[in-house]
Amino acid sequence: MAADCRERLPHGPGGSGQARRRALLAAMAASLCPAVRAQAQPASAAPPTGVPPLYAVRLPGGFRWSYRLTRGSLAVTGSLRFAPQADRYELVLQGEAPVFGTIITQRSMGVLGPQGLVPASFSDRRWRRQEQVARFDRASGWVTFSSSPERVRWVAGMQDRLSWLVQLAGIAHADGERVAAGRTVALRVVGARGDSGVWTFRSDGLGPVEVDAGAVRAVKLVRLAREPQDSSVEVWLDPVRRHLPVYARWADGHDEPVELSLRRAG
């Protein structure tokens, strides 16, 4: 359609006396042709839509927790390790199976800012799959991907598909009223395959949840889906344990669900 529209642009006769007239005719045609008008706008000029607010964040110190990690029908030993050091951090989720070895490794690395975690890279490696990587370049203002030519505009407060767990805990720990029943918290989350969207979590309030470590009273937050293809996400944050996740589950249309259930905090 864009090519067809360009063919209809009027062309005036040659000669220096016609330059102004040709420019006027081209502008008029472009105003009547959405495809040409859209192509005339550089990608960098389009502001990102749905930018969530920035929140106060109180991040936890370093930790390494053990979970039962379930991916589809396979349950293995999982761990979540957060290692802040000076102004940088590394966050790693890993699942190990006796026969299969490492079935999942997700790693988020970046800096610590006034609003919490600021990812610089996120990698996602699944069993028998090539590693996928997203790189967050604040200087250029873009997020790029190892397996896709797509790119996403970087915005302040943006998280990746692992860092959101600790960032959300930091928001809740800074102000528990943020996750009171009925309240919402929104984060822009980017995956390693080029997916990006606003994850808006609604709090169902404090309640009991059974995890591998036993019964816990935690705050349940559920992502409010905007589109049918949106990832299904729920997480339970324990106020006694700095609002860190004792249970989490997320799933989308192109992968098996991943579930974390706390076994030991330490």
Protein backbone atom coordinates (compact mmCIF):
# COMPACT_ATOMS: atom_id res chain seq x y z
CA MET A 1 0.00 0.00 0.00
CA ALA A 2 2.85 2.39 0.81
CA ALA A 3 4.49 1.77 -2.57
CA ASP A 4 1.14 2.31 -4.35
CA CYS A 5 0.65 5.57 -2.51
CA ARG A 6 4.12 6.82 -3.43
CA GLU A 7 3.37 6.16 -7.12
CA ARG A 8 0.49 8.64 -6.84
CA LEU A 9 2.59 11.54 -5.64
CA PRO A 10 2.21 14.36 -8.17
CA HIS A 11 5.29 15.28 -10.16
CA GLY A 12 5.55 18.78 -11.57
CA PRO A 13 7.58 19.62 -14.67
CA GLY A 14 11.33 20.17 -14.35
CA GLY A 15 13.09 23.48 -14.04
CA SER A 16 14.11 25.65 -11.16
CA GLY A 17 10.91 27.68 -11.40
CA GLN A 18 8.85 24.63 -10.50
CA ALA A 19 10.79 23.49 -7.39
CA ARG A 20 8.51 25.30 -4.94
CA ARG A 21 5.38 24.02 -6.67
CA ARG A 22 6.62 20.42 -6.64
CA ALA A 23 7.40 20.63 -2.92
CA LEU A 24 3.91 22.00 -2.20
CA LEU A 25 2.24 19.26 -4.25
CA ALA A 26 4.28 16.54 -2.55
CA ALA A 27 3.35 17.87 0.90
CA MET A 28 -0.34 17.92 -0.05
CA ALA A 29 -0.17 14.34 -1.33
CA ALA A 30 1.61 13.11 1.78
CA SER A 31 -1.06 14.66 3.98
CA LEU A 32 -3.67 12.57 2.16
CA CYS A 33 -1.62 9.35 2.29
CA PRO A 34 -1.24 7.81 5.79
CA ALA A 35 1.38 5.29 4.63
CA VAL A 36 3.71 7.96 3.27
CA ARG A 37 3.07 10.25 6.22
CA ALA A 38 4.00 7.43 8.65
CA GLN A 39 7.17 6.65 6.73
CA ALA A 40 8.18 10.29 6.80
CA GLN A 41 8.42 10.19 10.62
CA PRO A 42 11.74 8.81 11.96
CA ALA A 43 11.38 5.94 14.44
CA SER A 44 13.25 7.86 17.11
CA ALA A 45 10.65 10.64 17.01
CA ALA A 46 7.83 8.42 18.25
CA PRO A 47 7.51 8.69 22.05
CA PRO A 48 6.82 5.44 23.94
CA THR A 49 3.23 4.96 25.01
CA GLY A 50 2.01 3.77 28.38
CA VAL A 51 5.01 4.90 30.43
CA PRO A 52 4.38 3.86 34.07
CA PRO A 53 5.17 6.17 36.98
CA LEU A 54 8.41 5.96 38.93
CA TYR A 55 8.20 4.67 42.51
CA ALA A 56 10.25 4.92 45.65
CA VAL A 57 12.27 1.72 45.99
CA ARG A 58 13.97 0.09 48.97
CA LEU A 59 15.99 -2.80 47.63
CA PRO A 60 16.97 -5.79 49.76
CA GLY A 61 20.54 -6.73 50.53
CA GLY A 62 22.13 -9.69 48.81
CA PHE A 63 20.47 -13.08 49.17
CA ARG A 64 20.37 -16.58 47.72
CA TRP A 65 17.07 -18.41 48.13
CA SER A 66 16.20 -21.98 47.23
CA TYR A 67 12.94 -22.79 45.42
CA ARG A 68 11.13 -25.66 43.84
CA LEU A 69 11.21 -24.54 40.23
CA THR A 70 8.62 -26.04 37.92
CA ARG A 71 8.69 -25.61 34.16
CA GLY A 72 5.74 -27.30 32.56
CA SER A 73 5.55 -30.77 34.13
CA LEU A 74 9.21 -30.84 35.20
CA ALA A 75 10.00 -29.89 38.83
CA VAL A 76 13.63 -29.24 39.75
CA THR A 77 15.79 -27.46 42.31
CA GLY A 78 15.87 -23.75 41.66
CA SER A 79 17.73 -20.80 43.11
CA LEU A 80 17.38 -17.03 42.98
CA ARG A 81 20.54 -15.07 43.78
CA PHE A 82 20.75 -11.30 44.14
CA ALA A 83 24.24 -9.82 44.40
CA PRO A 84 24.41 -6.01 44.75
CA GLN A 85 27.90 -4.54 44.88
CA ALA A 86 28.67 -0.82 45.05
CA ASP A 87 26.49 0.68 42.32
CA ARG A 88 25.96 -2.52 40.32
CA TYR A 89 23.97 -5.73 40.67
CA GLU A 90 23.63 -9.24 39.29
CA LEU A 91 20.43 -11.27 39.62
CA VAL A 92 20.40 -14.93 38.55
CA LEU A 93 17.59 -17.48 38.40
CA GLN A 94 18.71 -21.05 37.76
CA GLY A 95 17.06 -24.46 37.65
CA GLU A 96 19.01 -27.73 37.87
CA ALA A 97 17.76 -31.27 37.20
CA PRO A 98 19.77 -34.44 38.04
CA VAL A 99 19.43 -35.96 34.56
CA PHE A 100 18.91 -32.92 32.36
CA GLY A 101 21.39 -30.56 34.03
CA THR A 102 20.60 -26.85 33.83
CA ILE A 103 17.16 -26.39 32.29
CA ILE A 104 16.89 -22.63 32.71
CA THR A 105 19.26 -19.77 33.44
CA GLN A 106 18.08 -16.18 33.47
CA ARG A 107 20.52 -13.40 34.31
CA SER A 108 19.89 -9.68 34.78
CA MET A 109 22.82 -7.30 35.22
CA GLY A 110 22.89 -3.54 35.56
CA VAL A 111 23.27 -0.63 37.92
CA LEU A 112 21.51 0.53 41.08
CA GLY A 113 19.78 3.88 40.68
CA PRO A 114 17.51 6.17 42.73
CA GLN A 115 14.49 4.21 41.46
CA GLY A 116 15.98 0.78 42.05
CA LEU A 117 17.24 -1.67 39.44
CA VAL A 118 18.36 -0.31 36.07
CA PRO A 119 19.03 -3.33 33.82
CA ALA A 120 21.88 -3.17 31.29
CA SER A 121 21.48 -6.71 29.95
CA PHE A 122 19.14 -9.66 30.33
CA SER A 123 19.88 -13.17 29.09
CA ASP A 124 17.56 -16.17 28.95
CA ARG A 125 18.85 -19.67 28.24
CA ARG A 126 16.52 -22.68 28.21
CA TRP A 127 17.40 -26.35 27.87
CA ARG A 128 18.32 -27.19 24.28
CA ARG A 129 17.72 -23.63 23.12
CA GLN A 130 20.03 -20.86 22.06
CA GLU A 131 20.57 -18.07 24.55
CA GLN A 132 18.49 -14.94 23.96
CA VAL A 133 19.83 -11.55 25.08
CA ALA A 134 18.34 -8.08 25.48
CA ARG A 135 20.68 -5.09 25.86
CA PHE A 136 19.51 -1.87 27.46
CA ASP A 137 21.47 1.13 26.17
CA ARG A 138 20.45 4.24 28.07
CA ALA A 139 22.92 6.39 26.13
CA SER A 140 21.26 5.68 22.78
CA GLY A 141 17.79 5.32 24.29
CA TRP A 142 17.14 1.87 22.80
CA VAL A 143 16.81 -1.75 23.86
CA THR A 144 18.15 -4.22 21.27
CA PHE A 145 17.94 -8.00 20.98
CA SER A 146 20.31 -10.78 19.90
CA SER A 147 17.68 -12.74 17.98
CA SER A 148 15.57 -9.97 16.48
CA PRO A 149 16.12 -6.78 14.47
CA GLU A 150 13.38 -5.14 16.51
CA ARG A 151 14.25 -2.50 19.07
CA VAL A 152 12.31 -0.88 21.90
CA ARG A 153 12.55 2.63 23.26
CA TRP A 154 14.23 2.73 26.66
CA VAL A 155 12.30 4.49 29.44
CA ALA A 156 13.20 5.17 33.07
CA GLY A 157 12.00 2.45 35.42
CA MET A 158 12.04 -0.24 32.69
CA GLN A 159 12.63 -3.81 33.90
CA ASP A 160 13.42 -7.15 32.31
CA ARG A 161 11.70 -10.50 32.73
CA LEU A 162 13.71 -11.31 35.84
CA SER A 163 14.49 -7.97 37.49
CA TRP A 164 10.79 -7.17 37.93
CA LEU A 165 10.67 -9.71 40.79
CA VAL A 166 13.14 -7.79 42.95
CA GLN A 167 12.04 -4.34 41.72
CA LEU A 168 8.44 -5.06 42.72
CA ALA A 169 9.64 -6.30 46.12
CA GLY A 170 11.62 -3.06 46.54
CA ILE A 171 8.57 -0.94 45.73
CA ALA A 172 6.46 -2.85 48.26
CA HIS A 173 9.20 -2.68 50.90
CA ALA A 174 9.59 1.09 50.48
CA ASP A 175 5.87 1.65 51.03
CA GLY A 176 3.61 -1.21 52.04
CA GLU A 177 0.53 0.84 51.18
CA ARG A 178 1.52 0.60 47.51
CA VAL A 179 0.47 -3.06 47.60
CA ALA A 180 -2.56 -2.71 49.88
CA ALA A 181 -5.64 -4.59 48.66
CA GLY A 182 -7.07 -3.00 45.52
CA ARG A 183 -4.00 -0.87 44.75
CA THR A 184 -2.00 -1.28 41.54
CA VAL A 185 1.67 -1.04 40.57
CA ALA A 186 2.75 -0.76 36.92
CA LEU A 187 6.12 -1.66 35.40
CA ARG A 188 7.29 -1.68 31.80
CA VAL A 189 8.85 -5.11 31.26
CA VAL A 190 11.00 -6.26 28.33
CA GLY A 191 11.81 -9.86 27.42
CA ALA A 192 14.82 -11.32 25.62
CA ARG A 193 12.88 -12.06 22.42
CA GLY A 194 11.86 -8.47 21.73
CA ASP A 195 8.56 -8.45 23.61
CA SER A 196 7.70 -5.37 25.65
CA GLY A 197 4.66 -4.24 27.58
CA VAL A 198 3.30 -2.62 30.70
CA TRP A 199 2.68 -5.09 33.49
CA THR A 200 0.05 -3.68 35.81
CA PHE A 201 -0.28 -5.64 39.05
CA ARG A 202 -3.39 -5.47 41.21
CA SER A 203 -3.04 -6.39 44.87
CA ASP A 204 -5.44 -8.90 46.36
CA GLY A 205 -4.08 -8.04 49.80
CA LEU A 206 -2.49 -10.12 52.51
CA GLY A 207 -3.49 -13.77 52.75
CA PRO A 208 -2.24 -17.32 53.30
CA VAL A 209 -0.27 -19.22 50.67
CA GLU A 210 1.18 -22.72 50.93
CA VAL A 211 4.74 -23.04 49.64
CA ASP A 212 7.38 -25.73 50.04
CA ALA A 213 8.71 -23.97 53.14
CA GLY A 214 5.25 -24.12 54.75
CA ALA A 215 2.30 -21.77 55.19
CA VAL A 216 3.09 -18.08 54.71
CA ARG A 217 1.02 -14.92 54.92
CA ALA A 218 1.96 -12.85 51.92
CA VAL A 219 0.63 -10.15 49.61
CA LYS A 220 -0.78 -11.55 46.37
CA LEU A 221 -0.37 -9.50 43.19
CA VAL A 222 -1.83 -10.48 39.83
CA ARG A 223 -1.05 -8.97 36.47
CA LEU A 224 -4.08 -7.42 34.81
CA ALA A 225 -4.07 -8.61 31.19
CA ARG A 226 -4.77 -5.98 28.54
CA GLU A 227 -4.62 -8.24 25.51
CA PRO A 228 -5.37 -11.98 25.03
CA GLN A 229 -1.68 -12.67 24.36
CA ASP A 230 -0.46 -10.96 27.54
CA SER A 231 1.63 -13.07 29.90
CA SER A 232 -0.22 -14.50 32.89
CA VAL A 233 1.69 -13.48 36.04
CA GLU A 234 1.07 -13.78 39.76
CA VAL A 235 3.43 -13.30 42.68
CA TRP A 236 3.20 -13.50 46.48
CA LEU A 237 5.43 -11.10 48.46
CA ASP A 238 6.25 -11.81 52.11
CA PRO A 239 6.34 -8.64 54.29
CA VAL A 240 8.37 -10.48 56.94
CA ARG A 241 11.07 -11.32 54.38
CA ARG A 242 11.50 -7.79 52.95
CA HIS A 243 8.58 -8.40 50.55
CA LEU A 244 10.66 -10.87 48.54
CA PRO A 245 8.73 -13.46 46.50
CA VAL A 246 7.80 -16.70 48.23
CA TYR A 247 5.73 -17.85 45.26
CA ALA A 248 5.57 -16.73 41.65
CA ARG A 249 4.15 -18.09 38.44
CA TRP A 250 4.30 -16.71 34.91
CA ALA A 251 3.32 -18.07 31.52
CA ASP A 252 2.82 -16.82 28.00
CA GLY A 253 1.68 -18.21 24.70
CA HIS A 254 5.04 -19.40 23.34
CA ASP A 255 6.58 -21.13 26.36
CA GLU A 256 5.79 -23.48 29.23
CA PRO A 257 4.75 -21.93 32.57
CA VAL A 258 7.46 -21.31 35.13
CA GLU A 259 6.63 -21.59 38.84
CA LEU A 260 8.70 -20.77 41.92
CA SER A 261 7.81 -22.05 45.39
CA LEU A 262 10.08 -21.14 48.29
CA ARG A 263 11.97 -23.98 49.95
CA ARG A 264 14.52 -22.09 52.02
CA ALA A 265 15.37 -18.43 52.55
CA GLY A 266 18.96 -17.70 53.43
